[in-house]
Protein backbone atom coordinates (compact mmCIF):
# COMPACT_ATOMS: atom_id res chain seq x y z
CA MET A 1 0.00 0.00 0.00
CA PRO A 2 1.53 3.34 -0.96
CA GLY A 3 2.45 5.73 1.82
CA PHE A 4 1.61 9.40 2.23
CA LYS A 5 4.71 10.52 0.38
CA ASP A 6 3.76 8.37 -2.62
CA THR A 7 0.09 9.41 -2.90
CA TYR A 8 0.19 13.16 -2.18
CA PRO A 9 2.43 16.01 -3.35
CA PHE A 10 4.82 15.61 -0.43
CA GLU A 11 6.61 18.93 -0.78
CA ALA A 12 3.37 20.85 -1.33
CA PHE A 13 2.28 19.89 2.21
CA GLY A 14 5.51 21.21 3.72
CA GLY A 15 7.52 17.98 3.55
CA LYS A 16 11.29 18.23 3.43
CA ILE A 17 13.94 15.74 2.43
CA ASP A 18 15.68 14.53 5.58
CA PRO A 19 19.38 14.99 4.71
CA ILE A 20 20.43 12.31 7.20
CA SER A 21 18.04 9.66 5.88
CA GLU A 22 18.95 10.53 2.31
CA ILE A 23 22.66 10.09 2.93
CA ARG A 24 21.94 6.74 4.58
CA ASN A 25 20.06 5.70 1.46
CA GLY A 26 23.27 6.49 -0.40
CA GLY A 27 25.16 3.92 1.67
CA ILE A 28 26.82 6.30 4.13
CA LEU A 29 26.13 6.01 7.83
CA THR A 30 26.54 8.96 10.15
CA SER A 31 24.76 10.41 13.14
CA GLY A 32 26.25 13.80 12.28
CA SER A 33 24.84 16.65 10.27
CA VAL A 34 24.71 16.80 6.48
CA PHE A 35 25.23 20.12 4.71
CA TRP A 36 24.94 20.97 1.04
CA VAL A 37 26.88 23.67 -0.86
CA LYS A 38 25.19 25.01 -3.97
CA SER A 39 25.67 28.12 -6.05
CA VAL A 40 22.90 30.68 -5.71
CA THR A 41 23.20 31.32 -9.46
CA ASP A 42 22.11 27.74 -10.30
CA SER A 43 18.75 27.58 -12.03
CA ASP A 44 17.40 25.11 -9.46
CA PHE A 45 18.86 26.72 -6.33
CA THR A 46 15.52 27.70 -4.78
CA THR A 47 13.94 24.33 -5.54
CA PHE A 48 16.88 22.47 -4.04
CA GLN A 49 16.96 24.68 -0.95
CA ASP A 50 13.27 24.02 -0.41
CA GLN A 51 13.90 20.27 -0.62
CA VAL A 52 16.76 20.00 1.86
CA GLY A 53 15.92 23.03 4.00
CA GLN A 54 17.51 26.45 4.23
CA ALA A 55 19.42 25.51 7.37
CA ASN A 56 21.22 22.74 5.47
CA THR A 57 22.06 24.75 2.32
CA PHE A 58 25.10 27.00 1.96
CA GLN A 59 26.31 29.18 -0.89
CA GLY A 60 30.00 28.81 -0.01
CA ILE A 61 32.27 25.96 1.06
CA GLN A 62 33.79 27.81 4.01
CA ALA A 63 30.35 28.72 5.37
CA ALA A 64 29.44 25.01 5.48
CA ILE A 65 32.73 24.09 7.16
CA ASN A 66 32.16 26.80 9.77
CA LYS A 67 28.76 25.29 10.54
CA ALA A 68 30.16 21.77 10.94
CA ARG A 69 31.14 20.45 14.35
CA ASN A 70 34.27 18.75 15.61
CA ASP A 71 34.30 14.95 15.92
CA LYS A 72 30.67 14.41 14.78
CA ASN A 73 31.44 13.02 11.31
CA ASP A 74 29.52 15.81 9.62
CA TYR A 75 29.29 15.59 5.82
CA ILE A 76 29.57 18.51 3.42
CA PHE A 77 28.43 17.83 -0.14
CA VAL A 78 29.51 20.34 -2.81
CA LEU A 79 27.28 20.37 -5.89
CA PRO A 80 28.73 21.27 -9.31
CA LYS A 81 27.74 24.70 -10.55
CA ASP A 82 25.66 25.15 -13.68
CA GLY A 83 28.19 25.23 -16.51
CA GLY A 84 30.91 23.66 -14.36
CA SER A 85 32.62 26.88 -13.25
CA ALA A 86 35.12 26.69 -10.39
CA TRP A 87 34.63 27.40 -6.70
CA THR A 88 36.87 29.79 -4.77
CA ALA A 89 37.15 30.60 -1.09
CA ASP A 90 34.22 32.52 0.38
CA THR A 91 36.52 35.46 1.12
CA ALA A 92 38.76 36.76 -1.65
CA GLY A 93 42.45 36.30 -1.02
CA THR A 94 42.07 33.53 1.57
CA ALA A 95 42.42 29.77 1.46
CA ILE A 96 39.62 27.36 2.27
CA LEU A 97 40.34 26.25 5.82
CA LEU A 98 39.24 22.74 6.76
CA ASN A 99 39.58 23.10 10.51
CA LYS A 100 36.91 20.79 11.96
CA ALA A 101 37.92 17.28 13.03
CA ARG A 102 36.50 14.29 11.12
CA VAL A 103 34.55 16.33 8.58
CA HIS A 104 33.91 14.75 5.17
CA LEU A 105 34.22 17.20 2.25
CA ILE A 106 32.72 15.45 -0.78
CA SER A 107 32.26 16.59 -4.38
CA VAL A 108 28.89 15.27 -5.56
CA GLY A 109 29.00 12.84 -8.49
CA TYR A 110 32.75 12.14 -8.65
CA GLY A 111 34.05 8.93 -10.24
CA ARG A 112 37.12 6.72 -9.98
CA SER A 113 38.70 7.70 -13.30
CA SER A 114 41.89 9.75 -13.23
CA ASN A 115 39.88 12.85 -14.08
CA GLY A 116 36.69 11.84 -12.30
CA TYR A 117 36.43 14.99 -10.20
CA THR A 118 33.24 17.03 -10.52
CA ASN A 119 34.26 20.31 -8.87
CA THR A 120 37.28 22.57 -9.22
CA ILE A 121 38.47 24.73 -6.34
CA GLN A 122 40.98 27.42 -7.30
CA GLY A 123 42.54 30.70 -6.27
CA HIS A 124 41.04 34.09 -7.09
CA GLY A 125 43.22 34.84 -10.10
CA THR A 126 45.14 37.98 -10.97
CA THR A 127 42.75 40.58 -9.56
CA VAL A 128 43.18 39.57 -5.90
CA ALA A 129 46.33 38.43 -4.13
CA ASN A 130 45.94 34.78 -3.18
CA ASP A 131 46.68 33.08 0.10
CA THR A 132 49.69 30.76 0.26
CA ALA A 133 47.46 27.76 -0.62
CA VAL A 134 44.07 26.90 -2.11
CA LEU A 135 43.20 24.49 0.71
CA LYS A 136 44.64 24.29 4.22
CA VAL A 137 43.77 21.29 6.40
CA ASN A 138 44.25 22.02 10.09
CA ALA A 139 42.15 19.31 11.77
CA PRO A 140 42.52 15.52 12.11
CA GLY A 141 40.58 12.72 10.47
CA CYS A 142 39.17 14.65 7.51
CA GLU A 143 38.10 13.05 4.23
CA ILE A 144 38.37 14.96 0.94
CA ALA A 145 37.05 13.39 -2.26
CA GLY A 146 36.28 14.23 -5.87
CA PHE A 147 37.85 17.68 -6.26
CA ARG A 148 40.36 19.32 -8.56
CA PHE A 149 42.50 21.77 -6.59
CA LEU A 150 43.90 24.25 -9.08
CA GLY A 151 46.44 26.85 -8.10
CA THR A 152 49.61 28.64 -8.92
CA SER A 153 52.95 27.57 -7.51
CA GLY A 154 55.35 30.31 -6.71
CA THR A 155 55.19 34.10 -6.72
CA ASN A 156 53.72 35.72 -9.80
CA ASP A 157 50.81 37.97 -10.69
CA ASN A 158 48.41 35.48 -9.08
CA GLY A 159 49.74 36.20 -5.61
CA THR A 160 52.13 34.40 -3.28
CA MET A 161 50.89 30.82 -3.45
CA THR A 162 53.65 28.43 -2.38
CA GLU A 163 51.63 25.21 -2.39
CA VAL A 164 48.21 24.15 -3.64
CA VAL A 165 47.23 22.02 -0.64
CA ARG A 166 48.81 22.36 2.80
CA LEU A 167 48.43 19.89 5.68
CA GLY A 168 48.81 21.25 9.19
CA THR A 169 50.37 24.37 10.58
CA ALA A 170 53.92 24.95 11.62
CA SER A 171 52.85 25.40 15.24
CA SER A 172 50.34 22.57 15.69
CA GLY A 173 50.58 20.05 12.86
CA THR A 174 47.07 18.80 13.65
CA ALA A 175 46.05 17.45 10.21
CA HIS A 176 46.57 13.82 11.20
CA GLN A 177 44.85 10.96 9.33
CA THR A 178 43.75 13.08 6.38
CA TRP A 179 42.32 10.92 3.57
CA LEU A 180 42.45 12.43 0.08
CA HIS A 181 41.06 10.34 -2.76
CA ASP A 182 39.79 10.50 -6.33
CA SER A 183 41.12 14.03 -6.73
CA VAL A 184 43.58 16.15 -8.70
CA ILE A 185 46.11 18.67 -7.37
CA GLU A 186 47.40 20.85 -10.19
CA ALA A 187 49.58 23.91 -10.67
CA THR A 188 48.87 26.13 -13.65
CA ASN A 189 51.21 29.10 -13.82
CA THR A 190 53.75 29.08 -16.65
CA THR A 191 55.83 32.09 -15.62
CA GLY A 192 57.36 33.30 -12.38
CA GLY A 193 58.32 31.27 -9.37
CA ALA A 194 61.53 29.40 -8.64
CA ASN A 195 62.14 25.96 -10.10
CA GLY A 196 62.32 23.18 -7.53
CA THR A 197 61.11 25.23 -4.57
CA THR A 198 57.33 25.18 -4.91
CA SER A 199 54.94 22.38 -4.00
CA LEU A 200 51.63 20.81 -4.91
CA LEU A 201 51.19 19.14 -1.52
CA THR A 202 53.08 20.27 1.58
CA PHE A 203 53.20 18.58 4.97
CA THR A 204 54.14 20.62 8.00
CA ALA A 205 56.14 19.11 10.82
CA GLY A 206 54.38 16.56 13.00
CA VAL A 207 51.55 15.57 10.64
CA ASN A 208 50.93 11.80 10.80
CA GLY A 209 48.94 9.20 8.92
CA PHE A 210 48.10 10.91 5.60
CA ARG A 211 46.66 8.64 2.89
CA ALA A 212 46.10 9.31 -0.82
CA ASP A 213 44.16 7.01 -3.15
CA ASN A 214 43.72 7.63 -6.88
CA VAL A 215 45.12 11.16 -6.73
CA LYS A 216 46.79 12.84 -9.68
CA PHE A 217 49.54 15.39 -8.97
CA ILE A 218 50.14 17.63 -12.00
CA GLY A 219 53.05 20.07 -12.04
CA ASN A 220 53.41 23.04 -14.35
CA SER A 221 56.05 23.71 -16.97
CA LEU A 222 58.40 24.87 -14.22
CA GLY A 223 58.64 21.40 -12.72
CA GLY A 224 58.67 22.21 -9.01
CA ILE A 225 57.86 19.71 -6.26
CA SER A 226 54.94 17.30 -6.25
CA VAL A 227 55.06 16.32 -2.57
CA ASN A 228 57.03 18.08 0.16
CA LEU A 229 57.25 15.67 3.10
CA PRO A 230 57.78 16.97 6.64
CA ILE A 231 60.88 16.93 8.76
CA ASN A 232 58.93 15.00 11.38
CA GLY A 233 55.88 12.91 10.52
CA ALA A 234 54.91 9.26 10.38
CA ARG A 235 53.13 6.59 8.36
CA HIS A 236 52.06 8.36 5.18
CA GLU A 237 50.70 6.27 2.28
CA PHE A 238 50.14 6.95 -1.43
CA HIS A 239 48.24 4.31 -3.38
CA ASP A 240 47.41 4.06 -7.10
CA SER A 241 48.33 7.69 -7.70
CA GLN A 242 50.07 9.47 -10.56
CA PHE A 243 52.69 12.20 -10.45
CA LEU A 244 53.14 14.22 -13.66
CA MET A 245 55.97 16.65 -14.37
CA ASN A 246 57.32 18.60 -17.33
CA ALA A 247 60.81 19.07 -15.95
CA ALA A 248 62.48 22.36 -16.74
CA ALA A 249 65.75 21.17 -15.19
CA THR A 250 67.29 18.02 -13.78
CA SER A 251 66.96 19.61 -10.36
CA ASN A 252 63.14 19.44 -10.45
CA LYS A 253 61.69 17.09 -7.87
CA PHE A 254 58.81 14.68 -7.41
CA VAL A 255 59.18 13.93 -3.69
CA VAL A 256 61.32 15.87 -1.24
CA THR A 257 61.93 14.51 2.24
CA GLY A 258 63.78 15.85 5.26
CA THR A 259 65.78 14.51 8.13
CA GLY A 260 64.10 13.49 11.36
CA ALA A 261 62.03 10.63 12.77
CA ASN A 262 59.71 10.18 9.78
CA ASP A 263 58.95 6.49 10.44
CA TYR A 264 57.88 5.30 6.96
CA THR A 265 56.27 6.68 3.82
CA LEU A 266 54.77 4.14 1.43
CA PHE A 267 54.14 4.48 -2.32
CA THR A 268 52.19 1.57 -3.84
CA ARG A 269 51.42 1.19 -7.57
CA CYS A 270 52.23 4.84 -8.23
CA LYS A 271 53.44 6.30 -11.53
CA PHE A 272 56.04 9.06 -11.71
CA THR A 273 56.07 10.56 -15.21
CA ASN A 274 58.31 13.32 -16.52
CA ILE A 275 57.18 14.11 -20.04
CA ASN A 276 60.40 16.01 -20.89
CA SER A 277 62.92 13.44 -22.07
CA GLY A 278 65.53 16.18 -22.40
CA GLN A 279 65.62 16.88 -18.65
CA LEU A 280 65.93 13.79 -16.44
CA PRO A 281 65.77 14.37 -12.66
CA ALA A 282 68.34 12.25 -10.89
CA SER A 283 65.89 10.70 -8.47
CA VAL A 284 62.16 10.40 -7.74
CA VAL A 285 62.89 10.89 -4.02
CA THR A 286 65.39 13.56 -3.05
CA GLY A 287 66.65 14.77 0.30
CA SER A 288 68.41 13.13 3.21
CA ILE A 289 66.47 10.40 5.05
CA THR A 290 67.56 9.72 8.60
CA ALA A 291 68.88 6.19 9.04
CA THR A 292 67.37 3.88 11.74
CA THR A 293 64.31 6.14 12.19
CA SER A 294 62.97 6.64 8.65
CA LEU A 295 62.51 4.96 5.31
CA ILE A 296 60.58 5.34 2.09
CA GLN A 297 59.16 2.18 0.56
CA MET A 298 58.13 2.02 -3.10
CA ASP A 299 56.20 -1.09 -4.15
CA TYR A 300 55.29 -1.78 -7.78
CA CYS A 301 55.91 1.81 -8.86
CA THR A 302 57.07 2.97 -12.30
CA TYR A 303 59.22 5.94 -13.35
CA THR A 304 59.51 7.61 -16.77
CA ASN A 305 62.34 9.96 -17.75
CA VAL A 306 63.86 9.74 -14.26
CA THR A 307 67.31 8.27 -13.60
CA GLN A 308 66.37 6.22 -10.53
CA ALA A 309 63.84 5.83 -7.72
CA GLY A 310 66.04 7.12 -4.92
CA THR A 311 69.66 7.99 -4.28
CA ASP A 312 69.42 7.83 -0.48
CA PRO A 313 70.13 4.33 0.92
CA ASN A 314 66.93 4.52 2.98
CA VAL A 315 64.72 4.43 -0.13
CA TYR A 316 63.58 0.84 -0.69
CA LYS A 317 61.73 -0.58 -3.67
CA ALA A 318 60.27 -3.82 -4.91
CA PRO A 319 60.37 -5.62 -7.26
CA ALA A 320 64.01 -5.42 -8.21
CA GLU A 321 66.68 -7.91 -9.29
CA SER A 322 69.24 -8.27 -6.54
CA GLY A 323 72.92 -9.16 -6.80
CA THR A 324 76.17 -7.24 -6.92
CA SER A 325 75.94 -3.50 -7.23
CA ALA A 326 76.56 -3.62 -10.98
CA ALA A 327 73.94 -6.32 -11.51
CA ILE A 328 71.03 -4.87 -9.50
CA ARG A 329 68.19 -3.88 -11.83
CA ASP A 330 65.26 -1.61 -11.12
CA LEU A 331 62.25 -3.14 -12.86
CA GLY A 332 60.24 0.04 -12.42
CA ILE A 333 62.22 2.25 -14.81
CA SER A 334 60.37 2.77 -18.09
CA ILE A 335 62.37 1.98 -21.24
CA GLY A 336 61.58 3.40 -24.66
CA THR A 337 60.64 0.79 -27.23
CA ALA A 338 63.46 1.95 -29.51
CA ALA A 339 65.92 0.56 -26.97
CA LEU A 340 64.27 -2.86 -26.82
CA THR A 341 65.57 -5.76 -28.86
CA PRO A 342 62.81 -8.00 -30.26
CA VAL A 343 63.12 -11.65 -29.24
């Protein structure tokens, strides 16, 4: 027998979609709040706001984050704008600050393809000086999924952006257990900045337990740094992710690490691709790794137009052919087909 909602115009009698029940129907369980971010310029904004309730609808990402609570597993769903235009921070010249513990920031409709994001978040462009990052995560246990974070790297007419995404602060380092997946972090400027000193993803000291799944890191034509690991931090993991670079010099870097008790950083089934065959960085991982307290492990990773996986003795990789130093072979290095002898 049909219920009231099926036989009468539910919304006409004041009915509202329960955002908690609806998210449960989507396979997600939470006792926290559910907030929706939608552009007021969308043609269906008023209709949507009536469906989910004005108290649950926000016109900016930061406004929804500010409403969320710490440690309640609140969800924030960001809806694509009509026409697919990008989101920026609510206040010009500032970064989006994800500063509530265990908040889930989700882009509605994302997929698992390498470009399956459905929303772009970027800086404010040339008219307003940008913050140092597009997104800053300053709280533990946050999930971020389905976005393209688009920003400049380095100082130019777009401001003073030094990284696209930043985890933690120098004083607190509280962005532990951040989970970033099915997303893209990309730099776009083609002029200005210093080669090898800027970063797509930066960890501050003391951040632990970061995990990336199916994330694409795209550098600009200046090369720069894909991931800048902290001096002190522990147990970071990158799975099934791709790192793209158009190296401007052999000094450009994919992963930079520092000394200190870093415990381990794991890269599994990741691809490091430099499309410029005329400039080959010496190593995927650069920097000094402290012996006995730190290591970087690279399992089933591949490298294109890079000399080797790591020059530091505390970079480990598998598979590889072992033996004497002259006979050890790295099976992850890509070889051009012109160099292969048919059997």
